[in-house]
PDB file of N, CA and C in Angstrom:
ATOM      1  N   MET A   1     -21.946  83.826 250.557  1.00  0.00           N
ATOM      2  CA  MET A   1     -21.333  82.567 250.173  1.00  0.00           C
ATOM      3  C   MET A   1     -20.091  82.339 251.031  1.00  0.00           C
ATOM      4  N   VAL A   2     -20.201  81.506 251.999  1.00  0.00           N
ATOM      5  CA  VAL A   2     -19.017  81.169 252.810  1.00  0.00           C
ATOM      6  C   VAL A   2     -18.617  79.717 252.501  1.00  0.00           C
ATOM      7  N   LYS A   3     -17.371  79.587 251.970  1.00  0.00           N
ATOM      8  CA  LYS A   3     -16.891  78.255 251.622  1.00  0.00           C
ATOM      9  C   LYS A   3     -15.478  78.122 252.107  1.00  0.00           C
ATOM     10  N   HIS A   4     -15.049  76.910 252.253  1.00  0.00           N
ATOM     11  CA  HIS A   4     -13.651  76.636 252.594  1.00  0.00           C
ATOM     12  C   HIS A   4     -12.766  77.190 251.506  1.00  0.00           C
ATOM     13  N   ASN A   5     -11.597  77.720 251.858  1.00  0.00           N
ATOM     14  CA  ASN A   5     -10.692  78.379 250.900  1.00  0.00           C
ATOM     15  C   ASN A   5     -10.459  77.547 249.631  1.00  0.00           C
ATOM     16  N   GLY A   6     -10.241  76.267 249.771  1.00  0.00           N
ATOM     17  CA  GLY A   6     -10.032  75.373 248.633  1.00  0.00           C
ATOM     18  C   GLY A   6     -11.216  75.390 247.668  1.00  0.00           C
ATOM     19  N   PHE A   7     -12.408  75.425 248.281  1.00  0.00           N
ATOM     20  CA  PHE A   7     -13.618  75.444 247.450  1.00  0.00           C
ATOM     21  C   PHE A   7     -13.881  76.793 246.813  1.00  0.00           C
ATOM     22  N   VAL A   8     -13.393  77.846 247.422  1.00  0.00           N
ATOM     23  CA  VAL A   8     -13.554  79.182 246.840  1.00  0.00           C
ATOM     24  C   VAL A   8     -12.711  79.194 245.543  1.00  0.00           C
ATOM     25  N   ASN A   9     -11.483  78.644 245.586  1.00  0.00           N
ATOM     26  CA  ASN A   9     -10.694  78.614 244.378  1.00  0.00           C
ATOM     27  C   ASN A   9     -11.387  77.795 243.281  1.00  0.00           C
ATOM     28  N   VAL A  10     -11.928  76.652 243.650  1.00  0.00           N
ATOM     29  CA  VAL A  10     -12.608  75.824 242.673  1.00  0.00           C
ATOM     30  C   VAL A  10     -13.817  76.557 242.157  1.00  0.00           C
ATOM     31  N   ASP A  11     -14.518  77.238 243.002  1.00  0.00           N
ATOM     32  CA  ASP A  11     -15.708  78.002 242.632  1.00  0.00           C
ATOM     33  C   ASP A  11     -15.312  79.033 241.526  1.00  0.00           C
ATOM     34  N   TYR A  12     -14.303  79.785 241.760  1.00  0.00           N
ATOM     35  CA  TYR A  12     -13.861  80.773 240.785  1.00  0.00           C
ATOM     36  C   TYR A  12     -13.342  80.148 239.499  1.00  0.00           C
ATOM     37  N   GLN A  13     -12.643  79.029 239.638  1.00  0.00           N
ATOM     38  CA  GLN A  13     -12.128  78.360 238.400  1.00  0.00           C
ATOM     39  C   GLN A  13     -13.252  77.813 237.551  1.00  0.00           C
ATOM     40  N   LEU A  14     -14.303  77.287 238.182  1.00  0.00           N
ATOM     41  CA  LEU A  14     -15.429  76.789 237.429  1.00  0.00           C
ATOM     42  C   LEU A  14     -16.103  77.949 236.669  1.00  0.00           C
ATOM     43  N   ARG A  15     -16.213  79.092 237.332  1.00  0.00           N
ATOM     44  CA  ARG A  15     -16.790  80.245 236.661  1.00  0.00           C
ATOM     45  C   ARG A  15     -15.915  80.720 235.533  1.00  0.00           C
ATOM     46  N   TYR A  16     -14.565  80.762 235.737  1.00  0.00           N
ATOM     47  CA  TYR A  16     -13.639  81.258 234.740  1.00  0.00           C
ATOM     48  C   TYR A  16     -13.541  80.305 233.542  1.00  0.00           C
ATOM     49  N   HIS A  17     -13.247  79.024 233.831  1.00  0.00           N
ATOM     50  CA  HIS A  17     -13.002  78.084 232.726  1.00  0.00           C
ATOM     51  C   HIS A  17     -14.283  77.691 232.009  1.00  0.00           C
ATOM     52  N   PHE A  18     -15.369  77.547 232.750  1.00  0.00           N
ATOM     53  CA  PHE A  18     -16.591  76.967 232.169  1.00  0.00           C
ATOM     54  C   PHE A  18     -17.733  77.937 232.080  1.00  0.00           C
ATOM     55  N   GLY A  19     -17.620  79.068 232.739  1.00  0.00           N
ATOM     56  CA  GLY A  19     -18.711  80.056 232.687  1.00  0.00           C
ATOM     57  C   GLY A  19     -19.978  79.586 233.368  1.00  0.00           C
ATOM     58  N   ILE A  20     -19.848  78.726 234.376  1.00  0.00           N
ATOM     59  CA  ILE A  20     -21.027  78.174 235.060  1.00  0.00           C
ATOM     60  C   ILE A  20     -21.032  78.631 236.526  1.00  0.00           C
ATOM     61  N   ASN A  21     -22.221  78.602 237.090  1.00  0.00           N
ATOM     62  CA  ASN A  21     -22.385  78.916 238.507  1.00  0.00           C
ATOM     63  C   ASN A  21     -22.368  77.607 239.289  1.00  0.00           C
ATOM     64  N   PRO A  22     -21.311  77.378 240.054  1.00  0.00           N
ATOM     65  CA  PRO A  22     -21.190  76.142 240.804  1.00  0.00           C
ATOM     66  C   PRO A  22     -22.333  75.854 241.784  1.00  0.00           C
ATOM     67  N   ASP A  23     -22.972  76.907 242.224  1.00  0.00           N
ATOM     68  CA  ASP A  23     -24.096  76.756 243.172  1.00  0.00           C
ATOM     69  C   ASP A  23     -25.292  76.048 242.491  1.00  0.00           C
ATOM     70  N   GLU A  24     -25.303  76.035 241.164  1.00  0.00           N
ATOM     71  CA  GLU A  24     -26.402  75.371 240.469  1.00  0.00           C
ATOM     72  C   GLU A  24     -26.131  73.948 240.078  1.00  0.00           C
ATOM     73  N   LEU A  25     -24.927  73.449 240.435  1.00  0.00           N
ATOM     74  CA  LEU A  25     -24.550  72.081 240.058  1.00  0.00           C
ATOM     75  C   LEU A  25     -25.049  71.065 241.157  1.00  0.00           C
ATOM     76  N   ASP A  26     -25.498  69.899 240.683  1.00  0.00           N
ATOM     77  CA  ASP A  26     -25.789  68.846 241.645  1.00  0.00           C
ATOM     78  C   ASP A  26     -24.460  68.140 241.945  1.00  0.00           C
ATOM     79  N   ASP A  27     -24.468  67.191 242.851  1.00  0.00           N
ATOM     80  CA  ASP A  27     -23.239  66.505 243.248  1.00  0.00           C
ATOM     81  C   ASP A  27     -22.488  65.862 242.133  1.00  0.00           C
ATOM     82  N   GLU A  28     -23.201  65.178 241.235  1.00  0.00           N
ATOM     83  CA  GLU A  28     -22.567  64.508 240.109  1.00  0.00           C
ATOM     84  C   GLU A  28     -21.934  65.506 239.170  1.00  0.00           C
ATOM     85  N   GLU A  29     -22.639  66.583 238.847  1.00  0.00           N
ATOM     86  CA  GLU A  29     -22.088  67.633 237.968  1.00  0.00           C
ATOM     87  C   GLU A  29     -20.876  68.304 238.607  1.00  0.00           C
ATOM     88  N   TRP A  30     -20.888  68.487 239.922  1.00  0.00           N
ATOM     89  CA  TRP A  30     -19.780  69.088 240.648  1.00  0.00           C
ATOM     90  C   TRP A  30     -18.524  68.174 240.469  1.00  0.00           C
ATOM     91  N   ALA A  31     -18.731  66.854 240.675  1.00  0.00           N
ATOM     92  CA  ALA A  31     -17.636  65.902 240.580  1.00  0.00           C
ATOM     93  C   ALA A  31     -17.028  65.896 239.172  1.00  0.00           C
ATOM     94  N   ILE A  32     -17.863  65.958 238.174  1.00  0.00           N
ATOM     95  CA  ILE A  32     -17.435  65.989 236.782  1.00  0.00           C
ATOM     96  C   ILE A  32     -16.646  67.251 236.535  1.00  0.00           C
ATOM     97  N   ALA A  33     -17.128  68.378 236.988  1.00  0.00           N
ATOM     98  CA  ALA A  33     -16.453  69.647 236.832  1.00  0.00           C
ATOM     99  C   ALA A  33     -15.113  69.679 237.512  1.00  0.00           C
ATOM    100  N   ILE A  34     -15.019  69.127 238.706  1.00  0.00           N
ATOM    101  CA  ILE A  34     -13.763  69.077 239.482  1.00  0.00           C
ATOM    102  C   ILE A  34     -12.759  68.229 238.670  1.00  0.00           C
ATOM    103  N   ALA A  35     -13.207  67.082 238.150  1.00  0.00           N
ATOM    104  CA  ALA A  35     -12.298  66.214 237.382  1.00  0.00           C
ATOM    105  C   ALA A  35     -11.757  66.956 236.131  1.00  0.00           C
ATOM    106  N   ALA A  36     -12.669  67.708 235.468  1.00  0.00           N
ATOM    107  CA  ALA A  36     -12.201  68.469 234.305  1.00  0.00           C
ATOM    108  C   ALA A  36     -11.244  69.544 234.708  1.00  0.00           C
ATOM    109  N   LEU A  37     -11.434  70.228 235.805  1.00  0.00           N
ATOM    110  CA  LEU A  37     -10.463  71.231 236.291  1.00  0.00           C
ATOM    111  C   LEU A  37      -9.087  70.607 236.564  1.00  0.00           C
ATOM    112  N   GLU A  38      -9.118  69.425 237.224  1.00  0.00           N
ATOM    113  CA  GLU A  38      -7.843  68.777 237.482  1.00  0.00           C
ATOM    114  C   GLU A  38      -7.078  68.442 236.225  1.00  0.00           C
ATOM    115  N   LYS A  39      -7.828  67.991 235.174  1.00  0.00           N
ATOM    116  CA  LYS A  39      -7.218  67.706 233.888  1.00  0.00           C
ATOM    117  C   LYS A  39      -6.617  68.953 233.268  1.00  0.00           C
ATOM    118  N   ILE A  40      -7.350  70.072 233.350  1.00  0.00           N
ATOM    119  CA  ILE A  40      -6.869  71.350 232.826  1.00  0.00           C
ATOM    120  C   ILE A  40      -5.603  71.779 233.534  1.00  0.00           C
ATOM    121  N   ARG A  41      -5.578  71.660 234.846  1.00  0.00           N
ATOM    122  CA  ARG A  41      -4.414  72.054 235.638  1.00  0.00           C
ATOM    123  C   ARG A  41      -3.189  71.224 235.239  1.00  0.00           C
ATOM    124  N   LYS A  42      -3.385  69.919 235.074  1.00  0.00           N
ATOM    125  CA  LYS A  42      -2.270  69.053 234.670  1.00  0.00           C
ATOM    126  C   LYS A  42      -1.746  69.471 233.261  1.00  0.00           C
ATOM    127  N   GLU A  43      -2.671  69.696 232.338  1.00  0.00           N
ATOM    128  CA  GLU A  43      -2.264  70.081 230.980  1.00  0.00           C
ATOM    129  C   GLU A  43      -1.548  71.416 230.964  1.00  0.00           C
ATOM    130  N   GLU A  44      -2.070  72.347 231.759  1.00  0.00           N
ATOM    131  CA  GLU A  44      -1.443  73.682 231.775  1.00  0.00           C
ATOM    132  C   GLU A  44      -0.062  73.643 232.420  1.00  0.00           C
ATOM    133  N   SER A  45       0.142  72.720 233.340  1.00  0.00           N
ATOM    134  CA  SER A  45       1.444  72.652 234.019  1.00  0.00           C
ATOM    135  C   SER A  45       2.440  71.824 233.214  1.00  0.00           C
ATOM    136  N   GLY A  46       2.000  71.198 232.132  1.00  0.00           N
ATOM    137  CA  GLY A  46       2.863  70.413 231.292  1.00  0.00           C
ATOM    138  C   GLY A  46       3.090  68.995 231.850  1.00  0.00           C
ATOM    139  N   GLU A  47       2.361  68.649 232.849  1.00  0.00           N
ATOM    140  CA  GLU A  47       2.480  67.358 233.496  1.00  0.00           C
ATOM    141  C   GLU A  47       1.974  66.286 232.495  1.00  0.00           C
ATOM    142  N   LYS A  48       2.704  65.177 232.422  1.00  0.00           N
ATOM    143  CA  LYS A  48       2.296  64.062 231.524  1.00  0.00           C
ATOM    144  C   LYS A  48       1.048  63.447 232.022  1.00  0.00           C
ATOM    145  N   ARG A  49       0.262  62.941 231.070  1.00  0.00           N
ATOM    146  CA  ARG A  49      -0.971  62.223 231.418  1.00  0.00           C
ATOM    147  C   ARG A  49      -0.597  60.864 232.014  1.00  0.00           C
ATOM    148  N   LYS A  50      -1.420  60.447 232.961  1.00  0.00           N
ATOM    149  CA  LYS A  50      -1.202  59.113 233.598  1.00  0.00           C
ATOM    150  C   LYS A  50      -2.286  58.186 233.146  1.00  0.00           C
TER     151      LYS A  50
END
């Protein structure tokens, strides 16, 4: 599995937070998962919702 460094981080975060294998996601599921991760990151950092 060779991925760009940014995608490796996302790959591991999807596995950690959601317990899913990102390689099994289609494009729409990948986009939904990325959006959920971004929301989690904001909430964990204490950033206010926009």
